[in-house]
Amino acid sequence: MRLNGTLCSVRRWTADDVESLVRHADNVNIARQLRDRFPHPYTRANAIAFLKHSTVGDPPTSLAIEVDRQAVGGIGYVAGSDVERYSAEVGYWLGEQYWGRGIVTEALVLVTNYAFDQRNLLRLFALPFADNVGSTRVLEKAGYVCEGILRSSSVKYGQPRDQAMYARVNPGWNRPLSS
């Protein structure tokens, strides 16, 4: 699977991405805006373990953001279950040297369109920290709408943090016959 844009491509992770992954992910400015499962420092062992998990599954739901033939970030979604089986939480990160170029916005649009068109998802949502202006701006530029602020809904590095609930609904959703 490969989704091509003008600024980046989104593709499966490969075992060859270890060094690039460590180079771009080992950054406290990235880790402080993500869930605790994204470690800091980000070591080679972390990259190997992540890639072992992320290179299996079809279709893949954890993908690399590629610029200049190297993985410089990640994007993916986690599908819901039961009554939320047509929804998924989307998340992303990008190496700091690539911030501010529209790369994540393009990657998010590519993945959103793929999830809506190919996976028949009804809704994608994200829960960035409410004070993460860069991430909330990415979501807005990709057509996501802020549905509210979840006050003190998370704790990162020992500090309570608000999260924003952003979502985009698939306007062309095809309801499966078995629902």
N, C-alpha and C. Protein backbone atom coordinates (compact mmCIF):
# COMPACT_ATOMS: atom_id res chain seq x y z
N MET A 1 0.84 -1.18 0.00
CA MET A 1 0.00 0.00 0.00
C MET A 1 0.88 1.24 0.00
N ARG A 2 0.56 2.16 -0.88
CA ARG A 2 1.29 3.42 -0.96
C ARG A 2 0.32 4.50 -1.39
N LEU A 3 0.25 5.58 -0.62
CA LEU A 3 -0.59 6.72 -0.94
C LEU A 3 0.35 7.88 -1.26
N ASN A 4 0.25 8.41 -2.47
CA ASN A 4 1.17 9.44 -2.90
C ASN A 4 0.53 10.82 -2.92
N GLY A 5 1.24 11.78 -2.35
CA GLY A 5 0.86 13.18 -2.41
C GLY A 5 1.96 13.96 -3.10
N THR A 6 1.89 15.26 -3.04
CA THR A 6 2.95 16.08 -3.65
C THR A 6 4.08 16.38 -2.67
N LEU A 7 3.78 16.38 -1.37
CA LEU A 7 4.79 16.67 -0.35
C LEU A 7 5.36 15.41 0.30
N CYS A 8 4.57 14.35 0.29
CA CYS A 8 4.97 13.12 0.97
C CYS A 8 4.22 11.94 0.37
N SER A 9 4.64 10.77 0.82
CA SER A 9 3.91 9.53 0.56
C SER A 9 3.64 8.88 1.90
N VAL A 10 2.61 8.08 1.94
CA VAL A 10 2.29 7.29 3.13
C VAL A 10 2.36 5.83 2.69
N ARG A 11 3.12 5.03 3.44
CA ARG A 11 3.36 3.64 3.03
C ARG A 11 3.54 2.76 4.26
N ARG A 12 3.59 1.47 4.00
CA ARG A 12 3.88 0.51 5.06
C ARG A 12 5.27 0.79 5.65
N TRP A 13 5.40 0.52 6.94
CA TRP A 13 6.73 0.50 7.55
C TRP A 13 7.47 -0.73 7.06
N THR A 14 8.79 -0.65 6.98
CA THR A 14 9.61 -1.81 6.63
C THR A 14 10.74 -1.93 7.65
N ALA A 15 11.36 -3.09 7.70
CA ALA A 15 12.49 -3.31 8.60
C ALA A 15 13.64 -2.36 8.28
N ASP A 16 13.71 -1.87 7.06
CA ASP A 16 14.77 -0.94 6.66
C ASP A 16 14.60 0.46 7.25
N ASP A 17 13.50 0.72 7.92
CA ASP A 17 13.22 2.05 8.48
C ASP A 17 13.81 2.28 9.87
N VAL A 18 14.54 1.31 10.42
CA VAL A 18 15.02 1.41 11.80
C VAL A 18 15.82 2.70 12.03
N GLU A 19 16.85 2.93 11.26
CA GLU A 19 17.74 4.08 11.52
C GLU A 19 17.01 5.40 11.34
N SER A 20 16.21 5.51 10.31
CA SER A 20 15.46 6.74 10.08
C SER A 20 14.45 6.97 11.19
N LEU A 21 13.81 5.90 11.64
CA LEU A 21 12.84 6.00 12.72
C LEU A 21 13.50 6.54 13.99
N VAL A 22 14.63 5.98 14.37
CA VAL A 22 15.32 6.45 15.56
C VAL A 22 15.75 7.90 15.39
N ARG A 23 16.30 8.24 14.24
CA ARG A 23 16.79 9.61 14.00
C ARG A 23 15.67 10.64 14.16
N HIS A 24 14.49 10.34 13.67
CA HIS A 24 13.41 11.33 13.70
C HIS A 24 12.53 11.24 14.94
N ALA A 25 12.41 10.06 15.54
CA ALA A 25 11.51 9.88 16.68
C ALA A 25 12.16 10.23 18.02
N ASP A 26 13.46 10.20 18.10
CA ASP A 26 14.15 10.45 19.36
C ASP A 26 14.22 11.95 19.64
N ASN A 27 13.07 12.52 20.06
CA ASN A 27 12.96 13.96 20.23
C ASN A 27 11.90 14.23 21.30
N VAL A 28 12.29 14.86 22.38
CA VAL A 28 11.35 15.13 23.47
C VAL A 28 10.22 16.06 23.03
N ASN A 29 10.46 16.91 22.04
CA ASN A 29 9.41 17.80 21.55
C ASN A 29 8.29 17.04 20.85
N ILE A 30 8.61 15.88 20.32
CA ILE A 30 7.60 15.00 19.74
C ILE A 30 6.93 14.19 20.85
N ALA A 31 7.73 13.55 21.69
CA ALA A 31 7.21 12.67 22.74
C ALA A 31 6.26 13.40 23.68
N ARG A 32 6.52 14.66 23.98
CA ARG A 32 5.67 15.38 24.95
C ARG A 32 4.26 15.63 24.42
N GLN A 33 4.04 15.45 23.12
CA GLN A 33 2.72 15.67 22.54
C GLN A 33 1.99 14.37 22.20
N LEU A 34 2.60 13.24 22.55
CA LEU A 34 2.01 11.94 22.20
C LEU A 34 1.69 11.12 23.43
N ARG A 35 1.02 10.03 23.24
CA ARG A 35 0.71 9.11 24.33
C ARG A 35 2.00 8.54 24.91
N ASP A 36 1.90 8.06 26.14
CA ASP A 36 3.08 7.55 26.83
C ASP A 36 3.71 6.34 26.14
N ARG A 37 2.96 5.62 25.32
CA ARG A 37 3.54 4.46 24.64
C ARG A 37 4.61 4.86 23.61
N PHE A 38 4.67 6.15 23.27
CA PHE A 38 5.74 6.66 22.41
C PHE A 38 6.87 7.09 23.35
N PRO A 39 7.96 6.32 23.40
CA PRO A 39 8.97 6.55 24.43
C PRO A 39 9.92 7.72 24.12
N HIS A 40 10.51 8.20 25.19
CA HIS A 40 11.65 9.12 25.08
C HIS A 40 12.60 8.79 26.22
N PRO A 41 13.87 8.55 25.93
CA PRO A 41 14.45 8.55 24.59
C PRO A 41 13.92 7.41 23.74
N TYR A 42 13.99 7.60 22.43
CA TYR A 42 13.54 6.60 21.46
C TYR A 42 14.78 5.88 20.96
N THR A 43 14.94 4.62 21.34
CA THR A 43 16.15 3.87 21.05
C THR A 43 15.99 2.95 19.84
N ARG A 44 17.09 2.39 19.44
CA ARG A 44 17.07 1.39 18.35
C ARG A 44 16.20 0.20 18.74
N ALA A 45 16.28 -0.21 20.00
CA ALA A 45 15.45 -1.33 20.48
C ALA A 45 13.97 -0.97 20.39
N ASN A 46 13.61 0.29 20.71
CA ASN A 46 12.21 0.73 20.57
C ASN A 46 11.78 0.64 19.11
N ALA A 47 12.65 1.08 18.20
CA ALA A 47 12.31 1.06 16.78
C ALA A 47 12.12 -0.37 16.28
N ILE A 48 13.01 -1.26 16.66
CA ILE A 48 12.91 -2.66 16.23
C ILE A 48 11.61 -3.28 16.74
N ALA A 49 11.28 -3.04 18.01
CA ALA A 49 10.04 -3.58 18.58
C ALA A 49 8.82 -3.00 17.88
N PHE A 50 8.83 -1.70 17.63
CA PHE A 50 7.71 -1.05 16.95
C PHE A 50 7.54 -1.63 15.54
N LEU A 51 8.64 -1.74 14.80
CA LEU A 51 8.55 -2.23 13.43
C LEU A 51 8.13 -3.69 13.37
N LYS A 52 8.53 -4.48 14.34
CA LYS A 52 8.10 -5.88 14.39
C LYS A 52 6.58 -5.96 14.47
N HIS A 53 6.00 -5.08 15.26
CA HIS A 53 4.55 -5.05 15.43
C HIS A 53 3.85 -4.38 14.23
N SER A 54 4.46 -3.35 13.67
CA SER A 54 3.80 -2.52 12.67
C SER A 54 3.93 -3.00 11.23
N THR A 55 4.76 -3.99 10.99
CA THR A 55 4.93 -4.47 9.62
C THR A 55 4.04 -5.68 9.32
N VAL A 56 3.22 -6.08 10.30
CA VAL A 56 2.29 -7.19 10.08
C VAL A 56 0.88 -6.63 9.95
N GLY A 57 0.02 -7.43 9.44
CA GLY A 57 -1.38 -7.03 9.31
C GLY A 57 -1.70 -6.53 7.92
N ASP A 58 -2.87 -6.90 7.47
CA ASP A 58 -3.31 -6.47 6.15
C ASP A 58 -4.80 -6.19 6.21
N PRO A 59 -5.21 -5.00 5.98
CA PRO A 59 -4.40 -3.85 5.58
C PRO A 59 -3.68 -3.25 6.79
N PRO A 60 -2.57 -2.60 6.52
CA PRO A 60 -1.84 -1.97 7.63
C PRO A 60 -2.61 -0.77 8.16
N THR A 61 -2.50 -0.54 9.46
CA THR A 61 -3.14 0.63 10.06
C THR A 61 -2.12 1.57 10.69
N SER A 62 -0.87 1.17 10.73
CA SER A 62 0.23 2.00 11.20
C SER A 62 1.17 2.20 10.02
N LEU A 63 1.34 3.44 9.61
CA LEU A 63 2.03 3.73 8.35
C LEU A 63 3.15 4.75 8.54
N ALA A 64 4.12 4.69 7.65
CA ALA A 64 5.22 5.65 7.65
C ALA A 64 4.88 6.84 6.75
N ILE A 65 5.30 8.01 7.18
CA ILE A 65 5.25 9.21 6.33
C ILE A 65 6.63 9.32 5.70
N GLU A 66 6.67 9.28 4.39
CA GLU A 66 7.94 9.26 3.66
C GLU A 66 8.15 10.58 2.92
N VAL A 67 9.34 11.14 3.11
CA VAL A 67 9.78 12.33 2.37
C VAL A 67 11.20 12.03 1.89
N ASP A 68 11.49 12.30 0.64
CA ASP A 68 12.83 12.06 0.08
C ASP A 68 13.30 10.63 0.33
N ARG A 69 12.40 9.67 0.14
CA ARG A 69 12.70 8.24 0.24
C ARG A 69 13.13 7.79 1.63
N GLN A 70 12.75 8.54 2.67
CA GLN A 70 13.02 8.09 4.03
C GLN A 70 11.79 8.32 4.92
N ALA A 71 11.61 7.43 5.88
CA ALA A 71 10.51 7.55 6.83
C ALA A 71 10.87 8.67 7.82
N VAL A 72 10.05 9.72 7.84
CA VAL A 72 10.32 10.87 8.70
C VAL A 72 9.22 11.09 9.74
N GLY A 73 8.24 10.20 9.76
CA GLY A 73 7.15 10.30 10.71
C GLY A 73 6.23 9.11 10.58
N GLY A 74 5.18 9.13 11.37
CA GLY A 74 4.22 8.04 11.34
C GLY A 74 2.80 8.55 11.43
N ILE A 75 1.90 7.78 10.88
CA ILE A 75 0.47 8.09 10.93
C ILE A 75 -0.29 6.78 10.92
N GLY A 76 -1.42 6.76 11.57
CA GLY A 76 -2.20 5.54 11.58
C GLY A 76 -3.52 5.74 12.27
N TYR A 77 -4.26 4.65 12.35
CA TYR A 77 -5.56 4.71 13.02
C TYR A 77 -5.81 3.39 13.74
N VAL A 78 -6.62 3.50 14.80
CA VAL A 78 -7.01 2.34 15.59
C VAL A 78 -8.52 2.24 15.49
N ALA A 79 -9.00 1.16 14.89
CA ALA A 79 -10.43 0.98 14.68
C ALA A 79 -11.14 0.70 16.00
N GLY A 80 -12.35 1.20 16.09
CA GLY A 80 -13.19 0.93 17.24
C GLY A 80 -13.81 -0.45 17.14
N SER A 81 -14.60 -0.79 18.14
CA SER A 81 -15.27 -2.09 18.15
C SER A 81 -16.72 -1.90 18.58
N ASP A 82 -17.48 -2.96 18.46
CA ASP A 82 -18.87 -2.99 18.86
C ASP A 82 -19.64 -1.87 18.15
N VAL A 83 -20.35 -1.03 18.86
CA VAL A 83 -21.15 0.02 18.20
C VAL A 83 -20.27 1.09 17.57
N GLU A 84 -18.98 1.11 17.92
CA GLU A 84 -18.04 2.07 17.34
C GLU A 84 -17.17 1.44 16.26
N ARG A 85 -17.62 0.32 15.69
CA ARG A 85 -16.82 -0.43 14.74
C ARG A 85 -16.58 0.29 13.41
N TYR A 86 -17.33 1.36 13.13
CA TYR A 86 -17.12 2.13 11.91
C TYR A 86 -16.41 3.45 12.19
N SER A 87 -15.87 3.57 13.39
CA SER A 87 -15.09 4.75 13.78
C SER A 87 -13.67 4.31 14.08
N ALA A 88 -12.74 5.26 14.02
CA ALA A 88 -11.35 4.97 14.36
C ALA A 88 -10.68 6.24 14.86
N GLU A 89 -9.74 6.04 15.78
CA GLU A 89 -8.92 7.16 16.26
C GLU A 89 -7.67 7.26 15.40
N VAL A 90 -7.40 8.44 14.92
CA VAL A 90 -6.23 8.67 14.08
C VAL A 90 -5.17 9.42 14.90
N GLY A 91 -3.92 9.12 14.61
CA GLY A 91 -2.81 9.80 15.27
C GLY A 91 -1.63 9.92 14.32
N TYR A 92 -0.71 10.81 14.64
CA TYR A 92 0.43 11.07 13.76
C TYR A 92 1.54 11.77 14.52
N TRP A 93 2.73 11.70 13.95
CA TRP A 93 3.87 12.47 14.43
C TRP A 93 4.79 12.70 13.24
N LEU A 94 5.65 13.69 13.35
CA LEU A 94 6.58 14.03 12.27
C LEU A 94 7.89 14.52 12.87
N GLY A 95 9.01 14.13 12.26
CA GLY A 95 10.30 14.63 12.69
C GLY A 95 10.31 16.16 12.69
N GLU A 96 10.89 16.74 13.74
CA GLU A 96 10.81 18.19 13.95
C GLU A 96 11.37 19.01 12.79
N GLN A 97 12.38 18.53 12.12
CA GLN A 97 12.96 19.30 11.01
C GLN A 97 11.99 19.46 9.84
N TYR A 98 10.88 18.70 9.85
CA TYR A 98 9.90 18.78 8.76
C TYR A 98 8.63 19.54 9.15
N TRP A 99 8.58 20.05 10.37
CA TRP A 99 7.39 20.77 10.84
C TRP A 99 7.16 22.03 10.02
N GLY A 100 5.92 22.40 9.90
CA GLY A 100 5.55 23.68 9.27
C GLY A 100 5.54 23.68 7.75
N ARG A 101 5.59 22.52 7.14
CA ARG A 101 5.64 22.43 5.67
C ARG A 101 4.36 21.89 5.05
N GLY A 102 3.37 21.54 5.85
CA GLY A 102 2.14 20.97 5.33
C GLY A 102 2.19 19.47 5.10
N ILE A 103 3.26 18.84 5.52
CA ILE A 103 3.46 17.40 5.26
C ILE A 103 2.44 16.56 6.02
N VAL A 104 2.26 16.83 7.31
CA VAL A 104 1.31 16.02 8.09
C VAL A 104 -0.11 16.26 7.62
N THR A 105 -0.43 17.50 7.27
CA THR A 105 -1.78 17.77 6.75
C THR A 105 -2.04 16.92 5.52
N GLU A 106 -1.09 16.89 4.59
CA GLU A 106 -1.27 16.08 3.39
C GLU A 106 -1.37 14.60 3.74
N ALA A 107 -0.51 14.12 4.64
CA ALA A 107 -0.56 12.71 5.03
C ALA A 107 -1.90 12.38 5.68
N LEU A 108 -2.42 13.28 6.50
CA LEU A 108 -3.70 13.05 7.16
C LEU A 108 -4.85 13.01 6.15
N VAL A 109 -4.81 13.88 5.16
CA VAL A 109 -5.84 13.86 4.11
C VAL A 109 -5.76 12.54 3.33
N LEU A 110 -4.55 12.11 3.00
CA LEU A 110 -4.38 10.84 2.27
C LEU A 110 -4.95 9.66 3.06
N VAL A 111 -4.61 9.58 4.35
CA VAL A 111 -5.08 8.47 5.18
C VAL A 111 -6.58 8.57 5.42
N THR A 112 -7.09 9.77 5.64
CA THR A 112 -8.53 9.94 5.85
C THR A 112 -9.30 9.48 4.62
N ASN A 113 -8.88 9.91 3.46
CA ASN A 113 -9.55 9.50 2.22
C ASN A 113 -9.48 7.99 2.03
N TYR A 114 -8.33 7.40 2.32
CA TYR A 114 -8.17 5.95 2.22
C TYR A 114 -9.13 5.25 3.19
N ALA A 115 -9.14 5.70 4.45
CA ALA A 115 -9.99 5.05 5.46
C ALA A 115 -11.47 5.17 5.09
N PHE A 116 -11.87 6.30 4.54
CA PHE A 116 -13.27 6.48 4.15
C PHE A 116 -13.60 5.67 2.89
N ASP A 117 -12.75 5.75 1.89
CA ASP A 117 -13.05 5.13 0.59
C ASP A 117 -12.78 3.63 0.55
N GLN A 118 -11.68 3.19 1.15
CA GLN A 118 -11.27 1.79 1.04
C GLN A 118 -11.66 0.94 2.25
N ARG A 119 -11.75 1.53 3.43
CA ARG A 119 -12.07 0.79 4.65
C ARG A 119 -13.50 1.03 5.10
N ASN A 120 -14.23 1.90 4.40
CA ASN A 120 -15.63 2.21 4.69
C ASN A 120 -15.87 2.65 6.13
N LEU A 121 -14.96 3.47 6.65
CA LEU A 121 -15.16 4.02 7.98
C LEU A 121 -16.11 5.21 7.92
N LEU A 122 -16.94 5.33 8.91
CA LEU A 122 -17.91 6.42 9.01
C LEU A 122 -17.29 7.67 9.61
N ARG A 123 -16.41 7.48 10.60
CA ARG A 123 -15.90 8.63 11.35
C ARG A 123 -14.47 8.38 11.78
N LEU A 124 -13.63 9.39 11.63
CA LEU A 124 -12.29 9.38 12.19
C LEU A 124 -12.22 10.50 13.21
N PHE A 125 -11.53 10.24 14.31
CA PHE A 125 -11.39 11.28 15.33
C PHE A 125 -9.97 11.30 15.86
N ALA A 126 -9.59 12.41 16.47
CA ALA A 126 -8.28 12.58 17.07
C ALA A 126 -8.45 13.29 18.41
N LEU A 127 -7.54 13.02 19.32
CA LEU A 127 -7.56 13.62 20.65
C LEU A 127 -6.22 14.30 20.96
N PRO A 128 -5.86 15.35 20.23
CA PRO A 128 -4.60 16.03 20.54
C PRO A 128 -4.72 16.78 21.87
N PHE A 129 -3.59 17.04 22.50
CA PHE A 129 -3.61 17.93 23.65
C PHE A 129 -4.12 19.28 23.17
N ALA A 130 -5.01 19.88 23.94
CA ALA A 130 -5.69 21.10 23.50
C ALA A 130 -4.72 22.26 23.27
N ASP A 131 -3.58 22.25 23.95
CA ASP A 131 -2.60 23.33 23.77
C ASP A 131 -1.59 23.05 22.66
N ASN A 132 -1.77 21.96 21.94
CA ASN A 132 -0.88 21.62 20.82
C ASN A 132 -1.41 22.31 19.56
N VAL A 133 -1.07 23.57 19.41
CA VAL A 133 -1.60 24.39 18.33
C VAL A 133 -1.25 23.81 16.96
N GLY A 134 -0.04 23.29 16.80
CA GLY A 134 0.36 22.72 15.52
C GLY A 134 -0.53 21.56 15.10
N SER A 135 -0.81 20.67 16.04
CA SER A 135 -1.63 19.51 15.72
C SER A 135 -3.09 19.88 15.47
N THR A 136 -3.62 20.79 16.27
CA THR A 136 -5.01 21.18 16.05
C THR A 136 -5.15 21.91 14.71
N ARG A 137 -4.14 22.65 14.33
CA ARG A 137 -4.18 23.33 13.03
C ARG A 137 -4.13 22.31 11.88
N VAL A 138 -3.31 21.27 12.02
CA VAL A 138 -3.26 20.20 11.02
C VAL A 138 -4.65 19.60 10.83
N LEU A 139 -5.30 19.28 11.93
CA LEU A 139 -6.63 18.66 11.86
C LEU A 139 -7.62 19.59 11.16
N GLU A 140 -7.61 20.86 11.52
CA GLU A 140 -8.53 21.81 10.91
C GLU A 140 -8.28 21.94 9.40
N LYS A 141 -7.01 22.01 9.01
CA LYS A 141 -6.69 22.12 7.57
C LYS A 141 -7.08 20.86 6.81
N ALA A 142 -7.14 19.72 7.51
CA ALA A 142 -7.52 18.46 6.87
C ALA A 142 -9.03 18.23 6.92
N GLY A 143 -9.79 19.22 7.37
CA GLY A 143 -11.24 19.11 7.35
C GLY A 143 -11.88 18.55 8.61
N TYR A 144 -11.11 18.38 9.66
CA TYR A 144 -11.65 17.90 10.93
C TYR A 144 -12.23 19.08 11.70
N VAL A 145 -13.24 18.80 12.51
CA VAL A 145 -13.96 19.83 13.26
C VAL A 145 -13.78 19.56 14.75
N CYS A 146 -13.52 20.62 15.51
CA CYS A 146 -13.42 20.49 16.96
C CYS A 146 -14.82 20.32 17.55
N GLU A 147 -15.02 19.19 18.22
CA GLU A 147 -16.32 18.89 18.82
C GLU A 147 -16.36 19.27 20.30
N GLY A 148 -15.22 19.56 20.89
CA GLY A 148 -15.21 19.96 22.29
C GLY A 148 -13.85 19.79 22.93
N ILE A 149 -13.75 20.26 24.15
CA ILE A 149 -12.53 20.14 24.95
C ILE A 149 -12.83 19.22 26.13
N LEU A 150 -11.98 18.23 26.30
CA LEU A 150 -12.08 17.29 27.41
C LEU A 150 -11.13 17.79 28.50
N ARG A 151 -11.68 18.43 29.50
CA ARG A 151 -10.87 19.08 30.52
C ARG A 151 -10.18 18.06 31.42
N SER A 152 -8.87 18.26 31.62
CA SER A 152 -8.05 17.39 32.49
C SER A 152 -8.31 15.92 32.21
N SER A 153 -8.40 15.56 30.95
CA SER A 153 -8.72 14.18 30.56
C SER A 153 -7.51 13.28 30.44
N SER A 154 -6.31 13.85 30.62
CA SER A 154 -5.10 13.05 30.48
C SER A 154 -4.01 13.63 31.39
N VAL A 155 -2.98 12.82 31.60
CA VAL A 155 -1.83 13.27 32.38
C VAL A 155 -0.59 12.90 31.58
N LYS A 156 0.23 13.90 31.30
CA LYS A 156 1.48 13.68 30.56
C LYS A 156 2.61 14.28 31.37
N TYR A 157 3.64 13.48 31.60
CA TYR A 157 4.79 13.90 32.41
C TYR A 157 4.34 14.48 33.75
N GLY A 158 3.33 13.83 34.35
CA GLY A 158 2.86 14.21 35.67
C GLY A 158 1.95 15.41 35.73
N GLN A 159 1.61 16.00 34.58
CA GLN A 159 0.77 17.19 34.54
C GLN A 159 -0.58 16.90 33.88
N PRO A 160 -1.68 17.31 34.53
CA PRO A 160 -2.99 17.17 33.87
C PRO A 160 -3.02 17.99 32.58
N ARG A 161 -3.61 17.42 31.56
CA ARG A 161 -3.70 18.12 30.26
C ARG A 161 -5.11 17.97 29.72
N ASP A 162 -5.59 19.04 29.12
CA ASP A 162 -6.85 19.00 28.38
C ASP A 162 -6.59 18.37 27.02
N GLN A 163 -7.59 17.71 26.48
CA GLN A 163 -7.53 17.19 25.12
C GLN A 163 -8.68 17.80 24.33
N ALA A 164 -8.44 17.99 23.05
CA ALA A 164 -9.50 18.46 22.15
C ALA A 164 -10.03 17.25 21.39
N MET A 165 -11.32 17.21 21.16
CA MET A 165 -11.93 16.13 20.37
C MET A 165 -12.20 16.69 18.98
N TYR A 166 -11.43 16.20 18.01
CA TYR A 166 -11.62 16.58 16.61
C TYR A 166 -12.15 15.37 15.86
N ALA A 167 -13.03 15.60 14.90
CA ALA A 167 -13.56 14.49 14.11
C ALA A 167 -13.91 14.94 12.70
N ARG A 168 -13.92 13.95 11.83
CA ARG A 168 -14.38 14.15 10.46
C ARG A 168 -15.28 12.96 10.13
N VAL A 169 -16.44 13.26 9.58
CA VAL A 169 -17.42 12.23 9.24
C VAL A 169 -17.41 12.01 7.74
N ASN A 170 -17.49 10.77 7.33
CA ASN A 170 -17.47 10.38 5.93
C ASN A 170 -18.82 10.73 5.28
N PRO A 171 -18.84 11.74 4.40
CA PRO A 171 -20.11 12.13 3.79
C PRO A 171 -20.65 11.09 2.80
N GLY A 172 -19.78 10.21 2.31
CA GLY A 172 -20.21 9.21 1.35
C GLY A 172 -20.29 7.81 1.93
N TRP A 173 -20.50 7.72 3.24
CA TRP A 173 -20.48 6.42 3.91
C TRP A 173 -21.54 5.49 3.33
N ASN A 174 -21.11 4.27 3.03
CA ASN A 174 -22.01 3.24 2.51
C ASN A 174 -22.33 2.28 3.64
N ARG A 175 -23.53 2.38 4.17
CA ARG A 175 -23.92 1.51 5.28
C ARG A 175 -23.93 0.07 4.82
N PRO A 176 -23.19 -0.79 5.50
CA PRO A 176 -23.20 -2.21 5.15
C PRO A 176 -24.58 -2.82 5.41
N LEU A 177 -24.94 -3.79 4.61
CA LEU A 177 -26.24 -4.43 4.72
C LEU A 177 -26.41 -5.17 6.05
N SER A 178 -25.31 -5.64 6.63
CA SER A 178 -25.39 -6.44 7.85
C SER A 178 -25.49 -5.61 9.12
N SER A 179 -25.49 -4.31 9.01
CA SER A 179 -25.55 -3.48 10.23
C SER A 179 -26.95 -3.43 10.69
